[in-house]
Amino acid sequence: MATSVVLLVEDEAMVLLDIEGALIEAGFDVIAVTNATKALAEFDRDTSRINAVVTDIRLGSGTNGWELARDIRGVVSTMPIVYISGDGAMDWHAEGVPQSIIIAKPFVMPQLITALATLLNQQVPIARP
């Protein structure tokens, strides 16, 4: 079975490293970036290689995680999206993309792994650009 590739977007370096390590330990390949501009560049490079996105909501200046997820879903409508946030959970119903999951910080890594596995297992294969 092929390894799932997760695009991880988190602007705090230490948090990014912790999550990246946990995802790798759980068997995922990870593309880790610190902002939405870099995330979209990685996504646009080859949309077919990314199987899921984990994004913080507050990403510093520029595009936030809500916008990033909508941009990605505009290209791949079934892309699994997991939001992680310390303060954005209340906005998820209004801002989050359908069939996404939000996990409030702080969280334990098994929560994230379970969320990803759940979304990946529910995904219906479609033709991608």
N, C-alpha and C. Protein backbone atom coordinates (compact mmCIF):
# COMPACT_ATOMS: atom_id res chain seq x y z
N MET A 1 0.84 -1.17 0.00
CA MET A 1 0.00 0.00 0.00
C MET A 1 0.89 1.24 0.00
N ALA A 2 0.51 2.23 -0.78
CA ALA A 2 1.29 3.46 -0.89
C ALA A 2 1.14 4.28 0.38
N THR A 3 2.19 5.00 0.73
CA THR A 3 2.17 5.88 1.88
C THR A 3 1.43 7.16 1.52
N SER A 4 0.58 7.63 2.43
CA SER A 4 -0.13 8.88 2.21
C SER A 4 0.79 10.06 2.49
N VAL A 5 0.69 11.07 1.62
CA VAL A 5 1.49 12.28 1.76
C VAL A 5 0.61 13.37 2.36
N VAL A 6 1.08 13.95 3.46
CA VAL A 6 0.34 14.99 4.16
C VAL A 6 1.08 16.32 3.99
N LEU A 7 0.35 17.33 3.54
CA LEU A 7 0.87 18.69 3.49
C LEU A 7 0.56 19.32 4.84
N LEU A 8 1.59 19.63 5.61
CA LEU A 8 1.47 20.19 6.95
C LEU A 8 1.84 21.66 6.92
N VAL A 9 0.93 22.52 7.41
CA VAL A 9 1.14 23.97 7.38
C VAL A 9 0.98 24.51 8.79
N GLU A 10 2.09 24.99 9.36
CA GLU A 10 2.12 25.49 10.72
C GLU A 10 3.21 26.55 10.82
N ASP A 11 2.87 27.74 11.30
CA ASP A 11 3.83 28.83 11.33
C ASP A 11 4.76 28.81 12.54
N GLU A 12 4.47 28.04 13.56
CA GLU A 12 5.35 27.94 14.72
C GLU A 12 6.31 26.77 14.54
N ALA A 13 7.60 27.07 14.45
CA ALA A 13 8.61 26.07 14.08
C ALA A 13 8.61 24.86 15.01
N MET A 14 8.55 25.06 16.31
CA MET A 14 8.61 23.94 17.24
C MET A 14 7.36 23.05 17.11
N VAL A 15 6.22 23.66 16.94
CA VAL A 15 4.98 22.90 16.76
C VAL A 15 5.05 22.13 15.45
N LEU A 16 5.54 22.78 14.40
CA LEU A 16 5.69 22.14 13.09
C LEU A 16 6.56 20.89 13.21
N LEU A 17 7.69 21.00 13.88
CA LEU A 17 8.60 19.87 14.04
C LEU A 17 7.96 18.73 14.84
N ASP A 18 7.25 19.07 15.91
CA ASP A 18 6.58 18.04 16.72
C ASP A 18 5.54 17.28 15.91
N ILE A 19 4.71 18.01 15.18
CA ILE A 19 3.66 17.37 14.40
C ILE A 19 4.26 16.57 13.25
N GLU A 20 5.25 17.14 12.59
CA GLU A 20 5.91 16.43 11.49
C GLU A 20 6.48 15.10 11.98
N GLY A 21 7.16 15.12 13.10
CA GLY A 21 7.74 13.90 13.66
C GLY A 21 6.69 12.86 13.98
N ALA A 22 5.58 13.29 14.57
CA ALA A 22 4.51 12.37 14.91
C ALA A 22 3.87 11.75 13.66
N LEU A 23 3.69 12.56 12.63
CA LEU A 23 3.10 12.05 11.39
C LEU A 23 4.04 11.05 10.72
N ILE A 24 5.31 11.36 10.69
CA ILE A 24 6.29 10.43 10.11
C ILE A 24 6.32 9.12 10.89
N GLU A 25 6.31 9.23 12.22
CA GLU A 25 6.30 8.04 13.07
C GLU A 25 5.05 7.19 12.82
N ALA A 26 3.95 7.84 12.48
CA ALA A 26 2.69 7.13 12.21
C ALA A 26 2.65 6.55 10.79
N GLY A 27 3.70 6.80 9.99
CA GLY A 27 3.77 6.19 8.67
C GLY A 27 3.43 7.09 7.50
N PHE A 28 3.21 8.37 7.76
CA PHE A 28 2.92 9.31 6.68
C PHE A 28 4.20 9.92 6.13
N ASP A 29 4.18 10.27 4.86
CA ASP A 29 5.20 11.14 4.30
C ASP A 29 4.69 12.55 4.51
N VAL A 30 5.59 13.49 4.84
CA VAL A 30 5.15 14.83 5.20
C VAL A 30 5.90 15.88 4.39
N ILE A 31 5.14 16.83 3.88
CA ILE A 31 5.69 18.05 3.30
C ILE A 31 5.33 19.15 4.28
N ALA A 32 6.32 19.66 5.00
CA ALA A 32 6.07 20.63 6.06
C ALA A 32 6.49 22.03 5.61
N VAL A 33 5.57 22.97 5.74
CA VAL A 33 5.83 24.37 5.36
C VAL A 33 5.28 25.30 6.44
N THR A 34 5.75 26.55 6.42
CA THR A 34 5.41 27.49 7.48
C THR A 34 4.36 28.53 7.12
N ASN A 35 3.89 28.54 5.87
CA ASN A 35 2.84 29.51 5.51
C ASN A 35 2.05 29.02 4.30
N ALA A 36 0.96 29.72 4.03
CA ALA A 36 0.06 29.30 2.96
C ALA A 36 0.67 29.46 1.58
N THR A 37 1.50 30.46 1.39
CA THR A 37 2.14 30.66 0.08
C THR A 37 3.01 29.46 -0.28
N LYS A 38 3.81 29.00 0.68
CA LYS A 38 4.65 27.82 0.44
C LYS A 38 3.79 26.57 0.26
N ALA A 39 2.70 26.49 1.01
CA ALA A 39 1.81 25.34 0.90
C ALA A 39 1.20 25.26 -0.50
N LEU A 40 0.70 26.38 -1.00
CA LEU A 40 0.11 26.39 -2.34
C LEU A 40 1.14 26.08 -3.41
N ALA A 41 2.37 26.55 -3.23
CA ALA A 41 3.44 26.23 -4.18
C ALA A 41 3.70 24.72 -4.20
N GLU A 42 3.76 24.09 -3.04
CA GLU A 42 3.96 22.64 -2.97
C GLU A 42 2.77 21.89 -3.58
N PHE A 43 1.58 22.36 -3.28
CA PHE A 43 0.37 21.73 -3.81
C PHE A 43 0.33 21.86 -5.33
N ASP A 44 0.59 23.05 -5.83
CA ASP A 44 0.53 23.30 -7.28
C ASP A 44 1.62 22.55 -8.05
N ARG A 45 2.72 22.24 -7.40
CA ARG A 45 3.81 21.51 -8.06
C ARG A 45 3.32 20.19 -8.62
N ASP A 46 2.46 19.48 -7.86
CA ASP A 46 1.90 18.21 -8.32
C ASP A 46 0.75 17.86 -7.40
N THR A 47 -0.45 18.25 -7.78
CA THR A 47 -1.62 18.06 -6.91
C THR A 47 -1.90 16.59 -6.61
N SER A 48 -1.47 15.71 -7.49
CA SER A 48 -1.78 14.28 -7.30
C SER A 48 -0.93 13.62 -6.22
N ARG A 49 0.14 14.25 -5.79
CA ARG A 49 1.00 13.60 -4.79
C ARG A 49 0.54 13.84 -3.37
N ILE A 50 -0.31 14.83 -3.13
CA ILE A 50 -0.75 15.16 -1.78
C ILE A 50 -2.09 14.50 -1.51
N ASN A 51 -2.15 13.76 -0.39
CA ASN A 51 -3.36 13.01 -0.04
C ASN A 51 -4.20 13.67 1.04
N ALA A 52 -3.62 14.59 1.80
CA ALA A 52 -4.35 15.25 2.88
C ALA A 52 -3.60 16.51 3.30
N VAL A 53 -4.34 17.43 3.94
CA VAL A 53 -3.76 18.68 4.41
C VAL A 53 -4.07 18.84 5.89
N VAL A 54 -3.05 19.19 6.66
CA VAL A 54 -3.21 19.58 8.05
C VAL A 54 -2.73 21.02 8.13
N THR A 55 -3.62 21.92 8.54
CA THR A 55 -3.24 23.33 8.57
C THR A 55 -3.68 24.02 9.85
N ASP A 56 -2.79 24.84 10.35
CA ASP A 56 -3.15 25.77 11.40
C ASP A 56 -4.07 26.80 10.77
N ILE A 57 -4.84 27.49 11.56
CA ILE A 57 -5.72 28.52 11.02
C ILE A 57 -5.01 29.86 10.98
N ARG A 58 -4.34 30.21 12.05
CA ARG A 58 -3.60 31.47 12.12
C ARG A 58 -2.17 31.20 11.62
N LEU A 59 -1.87 31.74 10.45
CA LEU A 59 -0.56 31.48 9.82
C LEU A 59 0.26 32.75 9.67
N GLY A 60 0.08 33.70 10.55
CA GLY A 60 0.80 34.96 10.44
C GLY A 60 0.16 35.83 9.38
N SER A 61 0.96 36.69 8.77
CA SER A 61 0.41 37.58 7.75
C SER A 61 0.12 36.80 6.46
N GLY A 62 -0.82 37.29 5.70
CA GLY A 62 -1.17 36.63 4.44
C GLY A 62 -2.35 35.70 4.61
N THR A 63 -2.43 34.73 3.73
CA THR A 63 -3.53 33.79 3.68
C THR A 63 -3.59 32.95 4.96
N ASN A 64 -4.81 32.77 5.48
CA ASN A 64 -4.96 31.94 6.68
C ASN A 64 -5.35 30.50 6.28
N GLY A 65 -5.48 29.65 7.26
CA GLY A 65 -5.79 28.25 7.00
C GLY A 65 -7.15 28.02 6.39
N TRP A 66 -8.14 28.86 6.78
CA TRP A 66 -9.47 28.74 6.17
C TRP A 66 -9.38 28.95 4.65
N GLU A 67 -8.71 30.04 4.27
CA GLU A 67 -8.57 30.38 2.84
C GLU A 67 -7.76 29.33 2.09
N LEU A 68 -6.69 28.87 2.73
CA LEU A 68 -5.84 27.85 2.12
C LEU A 68 -6.66 26.60 1.79
N ALA A 69 -7.45 26.15 2.74
CA ALA A 69 -8.26 24.95 2.52
C ALA A 69 -9.26 25.16 1.39
N ARG A 70 -9.87 26.34 1.34
CA ARG A 70 -10.83 26.62 0.25
C ARG A 70 -10.12 26.63 -1.10
N ASP A 71 -8.92 27.19 -1.16
CA ASP A 71 -8.15 27.19 -2.41
C ASP A 71 -7.84 25.77 -2.87
N ILE A 72 -7.39 24.94 -1.94
CA ILE A 72 -7.05 23.55 -2.28
C ILE A 72 -8.29 22.78 -2.69
N ARG A 73 -9.38 22.96 -1.95
CA ARG A 73 -10.63 22.28 -2.30
C ARG A 73 -11.19 22.78 -3.63
N GLY A 74 -10.81 23.96 -4.05
CA GLY A 74 -11.23 24.45 -5.36
C GLY A 74 -10.60 23.65 -6.49
N VAL A 75 -9.48 23.00 -6.21
CA VAL A 75 -8.79 22.17 -7.19
C VAL A 75 -9.13 20.70 -7.00
N VAL A 76 -9.07 20.22 -5.76
CA VAL A 76 -9.38 18.83 -5.43
C VAL A 76 -10.51 18.85 -4.40
N SER A 77 -11.72 18.68 -4.88
CA SER A 77 -12.91 18.89 -4.06
C SER A 77 -13.06 17.93 -2.88
N THR A 78 -12.36 16.82 -2.91
CA THR A 78 -12.47 15.83 -1.84
C THR A 78 -11.22 15.76 -0.95
N MET A 79 -10.31 16.72 -1.09
CA MET A 79 -9.07 16.69 -0.30
C MET A 79 -9.40 16.67 1.19
N PRO A 80 -8.91 15.67 1.91
CA PRO A 80 -9.10 15.64 3.36
C PRO A 80 -8.37 16.83 4.02
N ILE A 81 -9.10 17.56 4.86
CA ILE A 81 -8.55 18.73 5.53
C ILE A 81 -8.74 18.58 7.03
N VAL A 82 -7.65 18.73 7.78
CA VAL A 82 -7.71 18.78 9.23
C VAL A 82 -7.16 20.14 9.64
N TYR A 83 -7.98 20.90 10.35
CA TYR A 83 -7.54 22.17 10.90
C TYR A 83 -7.05 21.95 12.32
N ILE A 84 -5.99 22.67 12.70
CA ILE A 84 -5.52 22.67 14.08
C ILE A 84 -5.43 24.12 14.51
N SER A 85 -5.97 24.42 15.68
CA SER A 85 -5.98 25.82 16.10
C SER A 85 -6.15 25.96 17.60
N GLY A 86 -5.51 26.98 18.12
CA GLY A 86 -5.66 27.30 19.53
C GLY A 86 -6.85 28.19 19.80
N ASP A 87 -7.34 28.88 18.77
CA ASP A 87 -8.43 29.83 19.04
C ASP A 87 -9.46 29.93 17.92
N GLY A 88 -9.40 29.12 16.91
CA GLY A 88 -10.32 29.26 15.79
C GLY A 88 -11.46 28.26 15.74
N ALA A 89 -11.53 27.37 16.72
CA ALA A 89 -12.53 26.30 16.67
C ALA A 89 -13.96 26.84 16.60
N MET A 90 -14.22 27.97 17.23
CA MET A 90 -15.57 28.52 17.24
C MET A 90 -16.02 28.94 15.83
N ASP A 91 -15.07 29.24 14.95
CA ASP A 91 -15.38 29.70 13.60
C ASP A 91 -15.48 28.56 12.58
N TRP A 92 -15.21 27.34 13.00
CA TRP A 92 -15.13 26.22 12.07
C TRP A 92 -16.42 26.01 11.28
N HIS A 93 -17.56 26.09 11.93
CA HIS A 93 -18.83 25.85 11.22
C HIS A 93 -19.05 26.87 10.11
N ALA A 94 -18.61 28.10 10.32
CA ALA A 94 -18.81 29.16 9.32
C ALA A 94 -17.67 29.21 8.29
N GLU A 95 -16.46 28.90 8.70
CA GLU A 95 -15.28 29.09 7.85
C GLU A 95 -14.71 27.80 7.27
N GLY A 96 -14.88 26.69 7.94
CA GLY A 96 -14.28 25.43 7.51
C GLY A 96 -14.94 24.85 6.28
N VAL A 97 -14.17 24.08 5.53
CA VAL A 97 -14.73 23.41 4.35
C VAL A 97 -15.54 22.19 4.80
N PRO A 98 -16.53 21.78 4.00
CA PRO A 98 -17.34 20.61 4.36
C PRO A 98 -16.48 19.35 4.52
N GLN A 99 -16.95 18.46 5.37
CA GLN A 99 -16.28 17.19 5.66
C GLN A 99 -14.83 17.37 6.10
N SER A 100 -14.57 18.42 6.84
CA SER A 100 -13.25 18.62 7.44
C SER A 100 -13.36 18.35 8.93
N ILE A 101 -12.22 18.33 9.59
CA ILE A 101 -12.18 18.12 11.04
C ILE A 101 -11.34 19.23 11.64
N ILE A 102 -11.74 19.72 12.81
CA ILE A 102 -10.92 20.68 13.53
C ILE A 102 -10.51 20.06 14.86
N ILE A 103 -9.26 20.28 15.22
CA ILE A 103 -8.72 19.81 16.48
C ILE A 103 -8.17 21.03 17.22
N ALA A 104 -8.64 21.23 18.43
CA ALA A 104 -8.20 22.38 19.23
C ALA A 104 -6.84 22.10 19.86
N LYS A 105 -5.96 23.10 19.80
CA LYS A 105 -4.68 23.02 20.49
C LYS A 105 -4.91 23.37 21.95
N PRO A 106 -4.21 22.78 22.87
CA PRO A 106 -3.26 21.68 22.66
C PRO A 106 -4.01 20.36 22.45
N PHE A 107 -3.40 19.48 21.71
CA PHE A 107 -3.99 18.18 21.45
C PHE A 107 -2.91 17.12 21.59
N VAL A 108 -3.34 15.87 21.67
CA VAL A 108 -2.39 14.76 21.68
C VAL A 108 -2.32 14.22 20.26
N MET A 109 -1.16 13.75 19.87
CA MET A 109 -0.94 13.33 18.49
C MET A 109 -1.89 12.23 18.02
N PRO A 110 -2.29 11.29 18.88
CA PRO A 110 -3.25 10.29 18.38
C PRO A 110 -4.56 10.91 17.87
N GLN A 111 -4.96 12.07 18.42
CA GLN A 111 -6.15 12.74 17.89
C GLN A 111 -5.95 13.11 16.42
N LEU A 112 -4.79 13.65 16.11
CA LEU A 112 -4.50 14.06 14.74
C LEU A 112 -4.41 12.84 13.81
N ILE A 113 -3.74 11.81 14.25
CA ILE A 113 -3.58 10.60 13.44
C ILE A 113 -4.96 9.98 13.16
N THR A 114 -5.81 9.93 14.17
CA THR A 114 -7.16 9.39 14.01
C THR A 114 -7.98 10.23 13.04
N ALA A 115 -7.88 11.56 13.17
CA ALA A 115 -8.62 12.44 12.26
C ALA A 115 -8.19 12.22 10.82
N LEU A 116 -6.88 12.16 10.59
CA LEU A 116 -6.38 11.91 9.23
C LEU A 116 -6.84 10.56 8.70
N ALA A 117 -6.70 9.53 9.51
CA ALA A 117 -7.10 8.19 9.07
C ALA A 117 -8.59 8.15 8.74
N THR A 118 -9.40 8.80 9.56
CA THR A 118 -10.84 8.84 9.33
C THR A 118 -11.15 9.49 7.98
N LEU A 119 -10.58 10.66 7.73
CA LEU A 119 -10.85 11.37 6.48
C LEU A 119 -10.30 10.61 5.27
N LEU A 120 -9.12 10.05 5.40
CA LEU A 120 -8.54 9.31 4.28
C LEU A 120 -9.36 8.06 3.96
N ASN A 121 -9.87 7.40 4.99
CA ASN A 121 -10.68 6.20 4.77
C ASN A 121 -12.04 6.50 4.18
N GLN A 122 -12.54 7.72 4.38
CA GLN A 122 -13.85 8.10 3.84
C GLN A 122 -13.74 8.65 2.41
N GLN A 123 -12.53 8.94 1.97
CA GLN A 123 -12.34 9.60 0.70
C GLN A 123 -12.73 8.69 -0.47
N VAL A 124 -13.49 9.25 -1.39
CA VAL A 124 -13.87 8.55 -2.61
C VAL A 124 -12.87 8.94 -3.69
N PRO A 125 -12.20 7.97 -4.31
CA PRO A 125 -11.24 8.31 -5.35
C PRO A 125 -11.90 9.06 -6.52
N ILE A 126 -11.26 10.13 -6.96
CA ILE A 126 -11.72 10.86 -8.13
C ILE A 126 -10.53 11.16 -9.01
N ALA A 127 -10.83 11.48 -10.25
CA ALA A 127 -9.76 11.89 -11.17
C ALA A 127 -9.26 13.26 -10.75
N ARG A 128 -7.96 13.42 -10.68
CA ARG A 128 -7.36 14.70 -10.30
C ARG A 128 -6.70 15.33 -11.50
N PRO A 129 -6.57 16.66 -11.44
CA PRO A 129 -5.89 17.37 -12.55
C PRO A 129 -4.43 16.98 -12.63
